[in-house]
PDB file of all heavy atoms in Angstrom:
ATOM      1  N   ASP A   1      30.980  47.979 -74.163  1.00  0.00           N
ATOM      2  CA  ASP A   1      30.679  47.018 -75.221  1.00  0.00           C
ATOM      3  C   ASP A   1      31.102  45.607 -74.801  1.00  0.00           C
ATOM      4  O   ASP A   1      31.937  45.406 -73.930  1.00  0.00           O
ATOM      5  CB  ASP A   1      31.282  47.440 -76.561  1.00  0.00           C
ATOM      6  CG  ASP A   1      32.801  47.405 -76.581  1.00  0.00           C
ATOM      7  OD1 ASP A   1      33.382  46.484 -76.002  1.00  0.00           O
ATOM      8  OD2 ASP A   1      33.392  48.300 -77.217  1.00  0.00           O
ATOM      9  N   GLU A   2      30.493  44.656 -75.424  1.00  0.00           N
ATOM     10  CA  GLU A   2      30.669  43.251 -75.073  1.00  0.00           C
ATOM     11  C   GLU A   2      32.125  42.798 -75.249  1.00  0.00           C
ATOM     12  O   GLU A   2      32.657  42.061 -74.425  1.00  0.00           O
ATOM     13  CB  GLU A   2      29.751  42.394 -75.937  1.00  0.00           C
ATOM     14  CG  GLU A   2      29.706  40.945 -75.522  1.00  0.00           C
ATOM     15  CD  GLU A   2      28.675  40.160 -76.318  1.00  0.00           C
ATOM     16  OE1 GLU A   2      27.613  40.717 -76.647  1.00  0.00           O
ATOM     17  OE2 GLU A   2      28.966  39.001 -76.597  1.00  0.00           O
ATOM     18  N   THR A   3      32.783  43.272 -76.296  1.00  0.00           N
ATOM     19  CA  THR A   3      34.169  42.883 -76.559  1.00  0.00           C
ATOM     20  C   THR A   3      35.094  43.381 -75.459  1.00  0.00           C
ATOM     21  O   THR A   3      35.949  42.641 -74.981  1.00  0.00           O
ATOM     22  CB  THR A   3      34.634  43.441 -77.917  1.00  0.00           C
ATOM     23  OG1 THR A   3      33.744  42.994 -78.937  1.00  0.00           O
ATOM     24  CG2 THR A   3      36.039  43.000 -78.236  1.00  0.00           C
ATOM     25  N   LYS A   4      34.898  44.615 -75.031  1.00  0.00           N
ATOM     26  CA  LYS A   4      35.744  45.173 -73.977  1.00  0.00           C
ATOM     27  C   LYS A   4      35.494  44.431 -72.658  1.00  0.00           C
ATOM     28  O   LYS A   4      36.437  44.108 -71.927  1.00  0.00           O
ATOM     29  CB  LYS A   4      35.476  46.660 -73.808  1.00  0.00           C
ATOM     30  CG  LYS A   4      36.428  47.316 -72.843  1.00  0.00           C
ATOM     31  CD  LYS A   4      36.319  48.823 -72.867  1.00  0.00           C
ATOM     32  CE  LYS A   4      37.342  49.424 -71.928  1.00  0.00           C
ATOM     33  NZ  LYS A   4      37.383  50.867 -72.017  1.00  0.00           N
ATOM     34  N   LEU A   5      34.248  44.126 -72.363  1.00  0.00           N
ATOM     35  CA  LEU A   5      33.913  43.389 -71.154  1.00  0.00           C
ATOM     36  C   LEU A   5      34.542  42.000 -71.179  1.00  0.00           C
ATOM     37  O   LEU A   5      35.113  41.542 -70.185  1.00  0.00           O
ATOM     38  CB  LEU A   5      32.400  43.282 -71.002  1.00  0.00           C
ATOM     39  CG  LEU A   5      31.897  42.550 -69.769  1.00  0.00           C
ATOM     40  CD1 LEU A   5      32.389  43.232 -68.488  1.00  0.00           C
ATOM     41  CD2 LEU A   5      30.385  42.478 -69.772  1.00  0.00           C
ATOM     42  N   LYS A   6      34.491  41.345 -72.315  1.00  0.00           N
ATOM     43  CA  LYS A   6      35.080  40.018 -72.472  1.00  0.00           C
ATOM     44  C   LYS A   6      36.596  40.079 -72.260  1.00  0.00           C
ATOM     45  O   LYS A   6      37.174  39.231 -71.574  1.00  0.00           O
ATOM     46  CB  LYS A   6      34.753  39.486 -73.870  1.00  0.00           C
ATOM     47  CG  LYS A   6      35.044  38.045 -74.083  1.00  0.00           C
ATOM     48  CD  LYS A   6      34.521  37.621 -75.462  1.00  0.00           C
ATOM     49  CE  LYS A   6      34.677  36.159 -75.706  1.00  0.00           C
ATOM     50  NZ  LYS A   6      34.152  35.749 -77.014  1.00  0.00           N
ATOM     51  N   ASP A   7      37.249  41.072 -72.821  1.00  0.00           N
ATOM     52  CA  ASP A   7      38.691  41.234 -72.654  1.00  0.00           C
ATOM     53  C   ASP A   7      39.060  41.494 -71.194  1.00  0.00           C
ATOM     54  O   ASP A   7      40.052  40.954 -70.687  1.00  0.00           O
ATOM     55  CB  ASP A   7      39.217  42.372 -73.531  1.00  0.00           C
ATOM     56  CG  ASP A   7      39.210  42.018 -75.014  1.00  0.00           C
ATOM     57  OD1 ASP A   7      39.150  40.810 -75.347  1.00  0.00           O
ATOM     58  OD2 ASP A   7      39.270  42.957 -75.840  1.00  0.00           O
ATOM     59  N   LEU A   8      38.269  42.313 -70.523  1.00  0.00           N
ATOM     60  CA  LEU A   8      38.521  42.589 -69.108  1.00  0.00           C
ATOM     61  C   LEU A   8      38.363  41.332 -68.259  1.00  0.00           C
ATOM     62  O   LEU A   8      39.162  41.066 -67.348  1.00  0.00           O
ATOM     63  CB  LEU A   8      37.574  43.685 -68.598  1.00  0.00           C
ATOM     64  CG  LEU A   8      37.854  45.099 -69.071  1.00  0.00           C
ATOM     65  CD1 LEU A   8      36.701  46.024 -68.667  1.00  0.00           C
ATOM     66  CD2 LEU A   8      39.158  45.601 -68.478  1.00  0.00           C
ATOM     67  N   LEU A   9      37.353  40.552 -68.561  1.00  0.00           N
ATOM     68  CA  LEU A   9      37.120  39.316 -67.825  1.00  0.00           C
ATOM     69  C   LEU A   9      38.265  38.329 -68.046  1.00  0.00           C
ATOM     70  O   LEU A   9      38.762  37.711 -67.105  1.00  0.00           O
ATOM     71  CB  LEU A   9      35.787  38.700 -68.235  1.00  0.00           C
ATOM     72  CG  LEU A   9      35.361  37.461 -67.470  1.00  0.00           C
ATOM     73  CD1 LEU A   9      35.287  37.730 -65.971  1.00  0.00           C
ATOM     74  CD2 LEU A   9      34.017  36.966 -67.963  1.00  0.00           C
ATOM     75  N   LYS A  10      38.701  38.176 -69.285  1.00  0.00           N
ATOM     76  CA  LYS A  10      39.830  37.295 -69.589  1.00  0.00           C
ATOM     77  C   LYS A  10      41.082  37.733 -68.834  1.00  0.00           C
ATOM     78  O   LYS A  10      41.813  36.917 -68.290  1.00  0.00           O
ATOM     79  CB  LYS A  10      40.117  37.285 -71.085  1.00  0.00           C
ATOM     80  CG  LYS A  10      39.160  36.478 -71.904  1.00  0.00           C
ATOM     81  CD  LYS A  10      39.574  36.525 -73.361  1.00  0.00           C
ATOM     82  CE  LYS A  10      38.611  35.810 -74.261  1.00  0.00           C
ATOM     83  NZ  LYS A  10      39.014  35.880 -75.682  1.00  0.00           N
ATOM     84  N   SER A  11      41.322  39.005 -68.822  1.00  0.00           N
ATOM     85  CA  SER A  11      42.487  39.550 -68.135  1.00  0.00           C
ATOM     86  C   SER A  11      42.417  39.288 -66.633  1.00  0.00           C
ATOM     87  O   SER A  11      43.411  38.899 -66.012  1.00  0.00           O
ATOM     88  CB  SER A  11      42.578  41.057 -68.396  1.00  0.00           C
ATOM     89  OG  SER A  11      43.645  41.612 -67.687  1.00  0.00           O
ATOM     90  N   ALA A  12      41.250  39.469 -66.053  1.00  0.00           N
ATOM     91  CA  ALA A  12      41.076  39.242 -64.620  1.00  0.00           C
ATOM     92  C   ALA A  12      41.277  37.771 -64.263  1.00  0.00           C
ATOM     93  O   ALA A  12      41.937  37.437 -63.281  1.00  0.00           O
ATOM     94  CB  ALA A  12      39.689  39.709 -64.177  1.00  0.00           C
ATOM     95  N   VAL A  13      40.735  36.876 -65.072  1.00  0.00           N
ATOM     96  CA  VAL A  13      40.885  35.438 -64.822  1.00  0.00           C
ATOM     97  C   VAL A  13      42.347  35.040 -64.953  1.00  0.00           C
ATOM     98  O   VAL A  13      42.882  34.297 -64.115  1.00  0.00           O
ATOM     99  CB  VAL A  13      39.984  34.615 -65.768  1.00  0.00           C
ATOM    100  CG1 VAL A  13      40.321  33.143 -65.704  1.00  0.00           C
ATOM    101  CG2 VAL A  13      38.524  34.845 -65.430  1.00  0.00           C
ATOM    102  N   ALA A  14      43.028  35.521 -65.971  1.00  0.00           N
ATOM    103  CA  ALA A  14      44.445  35.206 -66.163  1.00  0.00           C
ATOM    104  C   ALA A  14      45.272  35.692 -64.979  1.00  0.00           C
ATOM    105  O   ALA A  14      46.171  34.988 -64.500  1.00  0.00           O
ATOM    106  CB  ALA A  14      44.946  35.834 -67.457  1.00  0.00           C
ATOM    107  N   GLU A  15      44.960  36.874 -64.483  1.00  0.00           N
ATOM    108  CA  GLU A  15      45.683  37.436 -63.340  1.00  0.00           C
ATOM    109  C   GLU A  15      45.479  36.586 -62.083  1.00  0.00           C
ATOM    110  O   GLU A  15      46.423  36.300 -61.355  1.00  0.00           O
ATOM    111  CB  GLU A  15      45.219  38.869 -63.088  1.00  0.00           C
ATOM    112  CG  GLU A  15      46.011  39.579 -62.030  1.00  0.00           C
ATOM    113  CD  GLU A  15      45.603  41.034 -61.895  1.00  0.00           C
ATOM    114  OE1 GLU A  15      45.169  41.634 -62.900  1.00  0.00           O
ATOM    115  OE2 GLU A  15      45.715  41.565 -60.779  1.00  0.00           O
ATOM    116  N   VAL A  16      44.261  36.151 -61.853  1.00  0.00           N
ATOM    117  CA  VAL A  16      43.973  35.300 -60.698  1.00  0.00           C
ATOM    118  C   VAL A  16      44.725  33.980 -60.812  1.00  0.00           C
ATOM    119  O   VAL A  16      45.308  33.494 -59.848  1.00  0.00           O
ATOM    120  CB  VAL A  16      42.457  35.055 -60.548  1.00  0.00           C
ATOM    121  CG1 VAL A  16      42.174  33.953 -59.549  1.00  0.00           C
ATOM    122  CG2 VAL A  16      41.759  36.342 -60.130  1.00  0.00           C
ATOM    123  N   LEU A  17      44.706  33.393 -62.012  1.00  0.00           N
ATOM    124  CA  LEU A  17      45.399  32.125 -62.216  1.00  0.00           C
ATOM    125  C   LEU A  17      46.898  32.261 -61.971  1.00  0.00           C
ATOM    126  O   LEU A  17      47.529  31.350 -61.433  1.00  0.00           O
ATOM    127  CB  LEU A  17      45.138  31.592 -63.624  1.00  0.00           C
ATOM    128  CG  LEU A  17      43.717  31.122 -63.906  1.00  0.00           C
ATOM    129  CD1 LEU A  17      43.564  30.738 -65.373  1.00  0.00           C
ATOM    130  CD2 LEU A  17      43.329  29.969 -63.010  1.00  0.00           C
ATOM    131  N   GLU A  18      47.467  33.361 -62.345  1.00  0.00           N
ATOM    132  CA  GLU A  18      48.894  33.580 -62.138  1.00  0.00           C
ATOM    133  C   GLU A  18      49.215  33.842 -60.667  1.00  0.00           C
ATOM    134  O   GLU A  18      50.170  33.287 -60.124  1.00  0.00           O
ATOM    135  CB  GLU A  18      49.375  34.759 -62.982  1.00  0.00           C
ATOM    136  CG  GLU A  18      49.443  34.462 -64.448  1.00  0.00           C
ATOM    137  CD  GLU A  18      49.786  35.692 -65.281  1.00  0.00           C
ATOM    138  OE1 GLU A  18      50.177  36.732 -64.695  1.00  0.00           O
ATOM    139  OE2 GLU A  18      49.652  35.613 -66.511  1.00  0.00           O
ATOM    140  N   GLU A  19      48.431  34.686 -60.029  1.00  0.00           N
ATOM    141  CA  GLU A  19      48.723  35.093 -58.656  1.00  0.00           C
ATOM    142  C   GLU A  19      48.326  34.044 -57.625  1.00  0.00           C
ATOM    143  O   GLU A  19      48.923  33.963 -56.559  1.00  0.00           O
ATOM    144  CB  GLU A  19      48.025  36.414 -58.341  1.00  0.00           C
ATOM    145  CG  GLU A  19      48.605  37.585 -59.108  1.00  0.00           C
ATOM    146  CD  GLU A  19      47.907  38.894 -58.782  1.00  0.00           C
ATOM    147  OE1 GLU A  19      47.025  38.912 -57.901  1.00  0.00           O
ATOM    148  OE2 GLU A  19      48.236  39.900 -59.430  1.00  0.00           O
ATOM    149  N   ARG A  20      47.328  33.254 -57.912  1.00  0.00           N
ATOM    150  CA  ARG A  20      46.823  32.267 -56.953  1.00  0.00           C
ATOM    151  C   ARG A  20      46.972  30.851 -57.497  1.00  0.00           C
ATOM    152  O   ARG A  20      46.081  30.031 -57.366  1.00  0.00           O
ATOM    153  CB  ARG A  20      45.352  32.564 -56.626  1.00  0.00           C
ATOM    154  CG  ARG A  20      45.087  33.928 -56.015  1.00  0.00           C
ATOM    155  CD  ARG A  20      45.682  34.050 -54.622  1.00  0.00           C
ATOM    156  NE  ARG A  20      45.253  32.953 -53.784  1.00  0.00           N
ATOM    157  CZ  ARG A  20      44.528  33.060 -52.706  1.00  0.00           C
ATOM    158  NH1 ARG A  20      44.172  34.230 -52.284  1.00  0.00           N
ATOM    159  NH2 ARG A  20      44.181  31.992 -52.013  1.00  0.00           N
ATOM    160  N   ARG A  21      48.112  30.554 -58.082  1.00  0.00           N
ATOM    161  CA  ARG A  21      48.356  29.270 -58.720  1.00  0.00           C
ATOM    162  C   ARG A  21      48.139  28.100 -57.757  1.00  0.00           C
ATOM    163  O   ARG A  21      47.537  27.102 -58.117  1.00  0.00           O
ATOM    164  CB  ARG A  21      49.762  29.236 -59.293  1.00  0.00           C
ATOM    165  CG  ARG A  21      50.074  27.972 -60.037  1.00  0.00           C
ATOM    166  CD  ARG A  21      51.486  28.005 -60.614  1.00  0.00           C
ATOM    167  NE  ARG A  21      51.745  26.805 -61.352  1.00  0.00           N
ATOM    168  CZ  ARG A  21      51.662  26.693 -62.664  1.00  0.00           C
ATOM    169  NH1 ARG A  21      51.316  27.739 -63.376  1.00  0.00           N
ATOM    170  NH2 ARG A  21      51.918  25.554 -63.252  1.00  0.00           N
ATOM    171  N   GLU A  22      48.651  28.228 -56.530  1.00  0.00           N
ATOM    172  CA  GLU A  22      48.516  27.146 -55.551  1.00  0.00           C
ATOM    173  C   GLU A  22      47.046  26.870 -55.234  1.00  0.00           C
ATOM    174  O   GLU A  22      46.631  25.717 -55.107  1.00  0.00           O
ATOM    175  CB  GLU A  22      49.263  27.466 -54.254  1.00  0.00           C
ATOM    176  CG  GLU A  22      50.747  27.706 -54.418  1.00  0.00           C
ATOM    177  CD  GLU A  22      51.080  29.127 -54.857  1.00  0.00           C
ATOM    178  OE1 GLU A  22      50.250  30.042 -54.635  1.00  0.00           O
ATOM    179  OE2 GLU A  22      52.167  29.315 -55.436  1.00  0.00           O
ATOM    180  N   PHE A  23      46.268  27.913 -55.115  1.00  0.00           N
ATOM    181  CA  PHE A  23      44.841  27.781 -54.825  1.00  0.00           C
ATOM    182  C   PHE A  23      44.130  27.044 -55.956  1.00  0.00           C
ATOM    183  O   PHE A  23      43.335  26.134 -55.721  1.00  0.00           O
ATOM    184  CB  PHE A  23      44.227  29.163 -54.607  1.00  0.00           C
ATOM    185  CG  PHE A  23      42.758  29.152 -54.315  1.00  0.00           C
ATOM    186  CD1 PHE A  23      42.269  28.607 -53.144  1.00  0.00           C
ATOM    187  CD2 PHE A  23      41.861  29.687 -55.217  1.00  0.00           C
ATOM    188  CE1 PHE A  23      40.910  28.597 -52.869  1.00  0.00           C
ATOM    189  CE2 PHE A  23      40.498  29.686 -54.962  1.00  0.00           C
ATOM    190  CZ  PHE A  23      40.028  29.141 -53.779  1.00  0.00           C
ATOM    191  N   VAL A  24      44.440  27.406 -57.171  1.00  0.00           N
ATOM    192  CA  VAL A  24      43.832  26.768 -58.341  1.00  0.00           C
ATOM    193  C   VAL A  24      44.249  25.299 -58.398  1.00  0.00           C
ATOM    194  O   VAL A  24      43.424  24.425 -58.677  1.00  0.00           O
ATOM    195  CB  VAL A  24      44.222  27.508 -59.641  1.00  0.00           C
ATOM    196  CG1 VAL A  24      43.717  26.767 -60.871  1.00  0.00           C
ATOM    197  CG2 VAL A  24      43.692  28.937 -59.628  1.00  0.00           C
ATOM    198  N   GLU A  25      45.528  25.009 -58.114  1.00  0.00           N
ATOM    199  CA  GLU A  25      46.003  23.626 -58.113  1.00  0.00           C
ATOM    200  C   GLU A  25      45.254  22.798 -57.075  1.00  0.00           C
ATOM    201  O   GLU A  25      44.887  21.651 -57.334  1.00  0.00           O
ATOM    202  CB  GLU A  25      47.501  23.573 -57.841  1.00  0.00           C
ATOM    203  CG  GLU A  25      48.337  24.052 -59.018  1.00  0.00           C
ATOM    204  CD  GLU A  25      49.815  24.152 -58.686  1.00  0.00           C
ATOM    205  OE1 GLU A  25      50.197  23.970 -57.509  1.00  0.00           O
ATOM    206  OE2 GLU A  25      50.593  24.417 -59.614  1.00  0.00           O
ATOM    207  N   GLU A  26      45.037  23.363 -55.891  1.00  0.00           N
ATOM    208  CA  GLU A  26      44.300  22.658 -54.843  1.00  0.00           C
ATOM    209  C   GLU A  26      42.871  22.340 -55.284  1.00  0.00           C
ATOM    210  O   GLU A  26      42.368  21.239 -55.045  1.00  0.00           O
ATOM    211  CB  GLU A  26      44.260  23.489 -53.563  1.00  0.00           C
ATOM    212  CG  GLU A  26      45.568  23.541 -52.816  1.00  0.00           C
ATOM    213  CD  GLU A  26      45.500  24.438 -51.587  1.00  0.00           C
ATOM    214  OE1 GLU A  26      44.392  24.647 -51.048  1.00  0.00           O
ATOM    215  OE2 GLU A  26      46.558  24.932 -51.173  1.00  0.00           O
ATOM    216  N   ILE A  27      42.228  23.292 -55.930  1.00  0.00           N
ATOM    217  CA  ILE A  27      40.857  23.086 -56.402  1.00  0.00           C
ATOM    218  C   ILE A  27      40.817  21.956 -57.431  1.00  0.00           C
ATOM    219  O   ILE A  27      39.954  21.078 -57.376  1.00  0.00           O
ATOM    220  CB  ILE A  27      40.281  24.384 -57.008  1.00  0.00           C
ATOM    221  CG1 ILE A  27      40.057  25.419 -55.900  1.00  0.00           C
ATOM    222  CG2 ILE A  27      38.997  24.122 -57.775  1.00  0.00           C
ATOM    223  CD1 ILE A  27      39.698  26.786 -56.409  1.00  0.00           C
ATOM    224  N   ILE A  28      41.771  21.961 -58.347  1.00  0.00           N
ATOM    225  CA  ILE A  28      41.805  20.921 -59.380  1.00  0.00           C
ATOM    226  C   ILE A  28      42.090  19.557 -58.760  1.00  0.00           C
ATOM    227  O   ILE A  28      41.454  18.559 -59.111  1.00  0.00           O
ATOM    228  CB  ILE A  28      42.839  21.275 -60.470  1.00  0.00           C
ATOM    229  CG1 ILE A  28      42.352  22.496 -61.254  1.00  0.00           C
ATOM    230  CG2 ILE A  28      43.085  20.089 -61.406  1.00  0.00           C
ATOM    231  CD1 ILE A  28      43.363  23.086 -62.207  1.00  0.00           C
ATOM    232  N   GLU A  29      43.036  19.494 -57.817  1.00  0.00           N
ATOM    233  CA  GLU A  29      43.351  18.230 -57.141  1.00  0.00           C
ATOM    234  C   GLU A  29      42.132  17.682 -56.403  1.00  0.00           C
ATOM    235  O   GLU A  29      41.839  16.480 -56.481  1.00  0.00           O
ATOM    236  CB  GLU A  29      44.503  18.421 -56.166  1.00  0.00           C
ATOM    237  CG  GLU A  29      45.859  18.570 -56.835  1.00  0.00           C
ATOM    238  CD  GLU A  29      46.963  18.906 -55.838  1.00  0.00           C
ATOM    239  OE1 GLU A  29      46.719  18.882 -54.607  1.00  0.00           O
ATOM    240  OE2 GLU A  29      48.080  19.181 -56.304  1.00  0.00           O
ATOM    241  N   GLU A  30      41.430  18.533 -55.693  1.00  0.00           N
ATOM    242  CA  GLU A  30      40.236  18.099 -54.965  1.00  0.00           C
ATOM    243  C   GLU A  30      39.154  17.597 -55.923  1.00  0.00           C
ATOM    244  O   GLU A  30      38.486  16.593 -55.649  1.00  0.00           O
ATOM    245  CB  GLU A  30      39.696  19.229 -54.092  1.00  0.00           C
ATOM    246  CG  GLU A  30      40.560  19.503 -52.875  1.00  0.00           C
ATOM    247  CD  GLU A  30      39.986  20.587 -51.982  1.00  0.00           C
ATOM    248  OE1 GLU A  30      38.754  20.807 -52.006  1.00  0.00           O
ATOM    249  OE2 GLU A  30      40.773  21.208 -51.255  1.00  0.00           O
ATOM    250  N   ALA A  31      38.996  18.269 -57.033  1.00  0.00           N
ATOM    251  CA  ALA A  31      38.003  17.844 -58.023  1.00  0.00           C
ATOM    252  C   ALA A  31      38.371  16.477 -58.593  1.00  0.00           C
ATOM    253  O   ALA A  31      37.506  15.606 -58.754  1.00  0.00           O
ATOM    254  CB  ALA A  31      37.888  18.874 -59.151  1.00  0.00           C
ATOM    255  N   MET A  32      39.652  16.265 -58.867  1.00  0.00           N
ATOM    256  CA  MET A  32      40.096  14.974 -59.393  1.00  0.00           C
ATOM    257  C   MET A  32      39.896  13.870 -58.355  1.00  0.00           C
ATOM    258  O   MET A  32      39.494  12.744 -58.705  1.00  0.00           O
ATOM    259  CB  MET A  32      41.558  15.060 -59.824  1.00  0.00           C
ATOM    260  CG  MET A  32      41.761  15.924 -61.055  1.00  0.00           C
ATOM    261  SD  MET A  32      43.483  16.214 -61.473  1.00  0.00           S
ATOM    262  CE  MET A  32      44.017  14.578 -61.908  1.00  0.00           C
ATOM    263  N   GLU A  33      40.171  14.159 -57.091  1.00  0.00           N
ATOM    264  CA  GLU A  33      39.945  13.183 -56.024  1.00  0.00           C
ATOM    265  C   GLU A  33      38.453  12.834 -55.917  1.00  0.00           C
ATOM    266  O   GLU A  33      38.102  11.668 -55.723  1.00  0.00           O
ATOM    267  CB  GLU A  33      40.456  13.710 -54.691  1.00  0.00           C
ATOM    268  CG  GLU A  33      41.971  13.764 -54.606  1.00  0.00           C
ATOM    269  CD  GLU A  33      42.466  14.451 -53.341  1.00  0.00           C
ATOM    270  OE1 GLU A  33      41.644  14.936 -52.535  1.00  0.00           O
ATOM    271  OE2 GLU A  33      43.694  14.516 -53.161  1.00  0.00           O
ATOM    272  N   ASP A  34      37.602  13.828 -56.030  1.00  0.00           N
ATOM    273  CA  ASP A  34      36.155  13.595 -55.972  1.00  0.00           C
ATOM    274  C   ASP A  34      35.697  12.695 -57.120  1.00  0.00           C
ATOM    275  O   ASP A  34      34.880  11.792 -56.929  1.00  0.00           O
ATOM    276  CB  ASP A  34      35.387  14.915 -56.006  1.00  0.00           C
ATOM    277  CG  ASP A  34      35.520  15.716 -54.726  1.00  0.00           C
ATOM    278  OD1 ASP A  34      35.988  15.151 -53.718  1.00  0.00           O
ATOM    279  OD2 ASP A  34      35.150  16.908 -54.732  1.00  0.00           O
ATOM    280  N   VAL A  35      36.229  12.941 -58.322  1.00  0.00           N
ATOM    281  CA  VAL A  35      35.872  12.120 -59.479  1.00  0.00           C
ATOM    282  C   VAL A  35      36.349  10.686 -59.261  1.00  0.00           C
ATOM    283  O   VAL A  35      35.616   9.728 -59.526  1.00  0.00           O
ATOM    284  CB  VAL A  35      36.469  12.706 -60.779  1.00  0.00           C
ATOM    285  CG1 VAL A  35      36.354  11.735 -61.937  1.00  0.00           C
ATOM    286  CG2 VAL A  35      35.789  14.028 -61.132  1.00  0.00           C
ATOM    287  N   ALA A  36      37.581  10.519 -58.764  1.00  0.00           N
ATOM    288  CA  ALA A  36      38.119   9.177 -58.523  1.00  0.00           C
ATOM    289  C   ALA A  36      37.289   8.444 -57.467  1.00  0.00           C
ATOM    290  O   ALA A  36      37.005   7.248 -57.615  1.00  0.00           O
ATOM    291  CB  ALA A  36      39.579   9.270 -58.093  1.00  0.00           C
ATOM    292  N   LEU A  37      36.899   9.141 -56.424  1.00  0.00           N
ATOM    293  CA  LEU A  37      36.081   8.527 -55.379  1.00  0.00           C
ATOM    294  C   LEU A  37      34.715   8.114 -55.935  1.00  0.00           C
ATOM    295  O   LEU A  37      34.234   7.017 -55.666  1.00  0.00           O
ATOM    296  CB  LEU A  37      35.910   9.484 -54.197  1.00  0.00           C
ATOM    297  CG  LEU A  37      35.088   8.972 -53.027  1.00  0.00           C
ATOM    298  CD1 LEU A  37      35.679   7.689 -52.457  1.00  0.00           C
ATOM    299  CD2 LEU A  37      34.988  10.040 -51.944  1.00  0.00           C
ATOM    300  N   ALA A  38      34.116   8.967 -56.732  1.00  0.00           N
ATOM    301  CA  ALA A  38      32.816   8.640 -57.329  1.00  0.00           C
ATOM    302  C   ALA A  38      32.926   7.414 -58.231  1.00  0.00           C
ATOM    303  O   ALA A  38      32.062   6.536 -58.203  1.00  0.00           O
ATOM    304  CB  ALA A  38      32.276   9.835 -58.119  1.00  0.00           C
ATOM    305  N   ARG A  39      34.007   7.339 -59.004  1.00  0.00           N
ATOM    306  CA  ARG A  39      34.211   6.173 -59.870  1.00  0.00           C
ATOM    307  C   ARG A  39      34.405   4.908 -59.038  1.00  0.00           C
ATOM    308  O   ARG A  39      33.885   3.847 -59.387  1.00  0.00           O
ATOM    309  CB  ARG A  39      35.409   6.389 -60.778  1.00  0.00           C
ATOM    310  CG  ARG A  39      35.138   7.337 -61.906  1.00  0.00           C
ATOM    311  CD  ARG A  39      36.308   7.445 -62.845  1.00  0.00           C
ATOM    312  NE  ARG A  39      36.018   8.368 -63.928  1.00  0.00           N
ATOM    313  CZ  ARG A  39      36.926   8.834 -64.752  1.00  0.00           C
ATOM    314  NH1 ARG A  39      38.191   8.465 -64.623  1.00  0.00           N
ATOM    315  NH2 ARG A  39      36.593   9.654 -65.710  1.00  0.00           N
ATOM    316  N   ALA A  40      35.183   5.016 -57.954  1.00  0.00           N
ATOM    317  CA  ALA A  40      35.409   3.855 -57.087  1.00  0.00           C
ATOM    318  C   ALA A  40      34.101   3.390 -56.457  1.00  0.00           C
ATOM    319  O   ALA A  40      33.844   2.191 -56.354  1.00  0.00           O
ATOM    320  CB  ALA A  40      36.438   4.204 -56.012  1.00  0.00           C
ATOM    321  N   ILE A  41      33.284   4.320 -56.048  1.00  0.00           N
ATOM    322  CA  ILE A  41      31.986   3.973 -55.458  1.00  0.00           C
ATOM    323  C   ILE A  41      31.117   3.277 -56.496  1.00  0.00           C
ATOM    324  O   ILE A  41      30.517   2.236 -56.219  1.00  0.00           O
ATOM    325  CB  ILE A  41      31.284   5.225 -54.885  1.00  0.00           C
ATOM    326  CG1 ILE A  41      32.032   5.704 -53.633  1.00  0.00           C
ATOM    327  CG2 ILE A  41      29.821   4.925 -54.567  1.00  0.00           C
ATOM    328  CD1 ILE A  41      31.593   7.064 -53.128  1.00  0.00           C
ATOM    329  N   ASP A  42      31.050   3.839 -57.698  1.00  0.00           N
ATOM    330  CA  ASP A  42      30.256   3.220 -58.770  1.00  0.00           C
ATOM    331  C   ASP A  42      30.755   1.811 -59.081  1.00  0.00           C
ATOM    332  O   ASP A  42      29.966   0.896 -59.298  1.00  0.00           O
ATOM    333  CB  ASP A  42      30.307   4.064 -60.050  1.00  0.00           C
ATOM    334  CG  ASP A  42      29.494   5.338 -59.952  1.00  0.00           C
ATOM    335  OD1 ASP A  42      28.632   5.426 -59.051  1.00  0.00           O
ATOM    336  OD2 ASP A  42      29.726   6.253 -60.773  1.00  0.00           O
ATOM    337  N   GLU A  43      32.063   1.648 -59.094  1.00  0.00           N
ATOM    338  CA  GLU A  43      32.649   0.347 -59.391  1.00  0.00           C
ATOM    339  C   GLU A  43      32.340  -0.659 -58.281  1.00  0.00           C
ATOM    340  O   GLU A  43      32.103  -1.829 -58.547  1.00  0.00           O
ATOM    341  CB  GLU A  43      34.172   0.517 -59.515  1.00  0.00           C
ATOM    342  CG  GLU A  43      34.865  -0.561 -60.273  1.00  0.00           C
ATOM    343  CD  GLU A  43      36.335  -0.221 -60.463  1.00  0.00           C
ATOM    344  OE1 GLU A  43      36.608   0.775 -61.167  1.00  0.00           O
ATOM    345  OE2 GLU A  43      37.170  -0.943 -59.908  1.00  0.00           O
ATOM    346  N   GLY A  44      32.315  -0.193 -57.051  1.00  0.00           N
ATOM    347  CA  GLY A  44      32.098  -1.084 -55.925  1.00  0.00           C
ATOM    348  C   GLY A  44      30.652  -1.436 -55.669  1.00  0.00           C
ATOM    349  O   GLY A  44      30.360  -2.405 -54.961  1.00  0.00           O
ATOM    350  N   VAL A  45      29.735  -0.703 -56.243  1.00  0.00           N
ATOM    351  CA  VAL A  45      28.314  -0.933 -55.998  1.00  0.00           C
ATOM    352  C   VAL A  45      27.894  -2.344 -56.391  1.00  0.00           C
ATOM    353  O   VAL A  45      27.129  -2.986 -55.691  1.00  0.00           O
ATOM    354  CB  VAL A  45      27.453   0.132 -56.729  1.00  0.00           C
ATOM    355  CG1 VAL A  45      25.995  -0.258 -56.767  1.00  0.00           C
ATOM    356  CG2 VAL A  45      27.615   1.478 -56.057  1.00  0.00           C
TER     357      VAL A  45
END
Protein backbone atom coordinates (compact mmCIF):
# COMPACT_ATOMS: atom_id res chain seq x y z
CA ASP A 1 0.00 0.00 0.00
CA GLU A 2 1.00 3.58 -0.65
CA THR A 3 1.26 4.49 3.05
CA LYS A 4 3.66 1.65 3.81
CA LEU A 5 5.77 2.51 0.76
CA LYS A 6 5.89 6.16 1.82
CA ASP A 7 6.97 5.20 5.35
CA LEU A 8 9.70 2.92 4.00
CA LEU A 9 10.98 5.65 1.72
CA LYS A 10 11.05 8.19 4.56
CA SER A 11 12.93 5.74 6.73
CA ALA A 12 15.48 5.01 4.02
CA VAL A 13 16.10 8.71 3.34
CA ALA A 14 16.49 9.46 7.06
CA GLU A 15 18.97 6.59 7.40
CA VAL A 16 21.05 7.85 4.48
CA LEU A 17 21.06 11.38 5.88
CA GLU A 18 22.27 10.11 9.24
CA GLU A 19 24.90 7.69 7.94
CA ARG A 20 26.24 9.86 5.11
CA ARG A 21 26.03 13.29 6.74
CA GLU A 22 29.37 14.47 5.30
CA PHE A 23 28.31 13.50 1.78
CA VAL A 24 25.03 15.39 2.11
CA GLU A 25 26.88 18.44 3.50
CA GLU A 26 29.24 18.40 0.51
CA ILE A 27 26.32 18.27 -1.92
CA ILE A 28 24.61 21.21 -0.21
CA GLU A 29 27.85 23.25 -0.11
CA GLU A 30 28.47 22.64 -3.82
CA ALA A 31 24.91 23.63 -4.66
CA MET A 32 25.26 26.85 -2.67
CA GLU A 33 28.56 27.65 -4.42
CA ASP A 34 26.90 27.07 -7.80
CA VAL A 35 24.05 29.44 -6.89
CA ALA A 36 26.52 32.10 -5.69
CA LEU A 37 28.56 31.78 -8.88
CA ALA A 38 25.45 32.06 -11.05
CA ARG A 39 24.38 35.19 -9.16
CA ALA A 40 27.86 36.70 -9.53
CA ILE A 41 27.81 36.00 -13.26
CA ASP A 42 24.35 37.55 -13.63
CA GLU A 43 25.49 40.59 -11.65
CA GLY A 44 28.62 40.99 -13.75
CA VAL A 45 26.92 40.70 -17.12
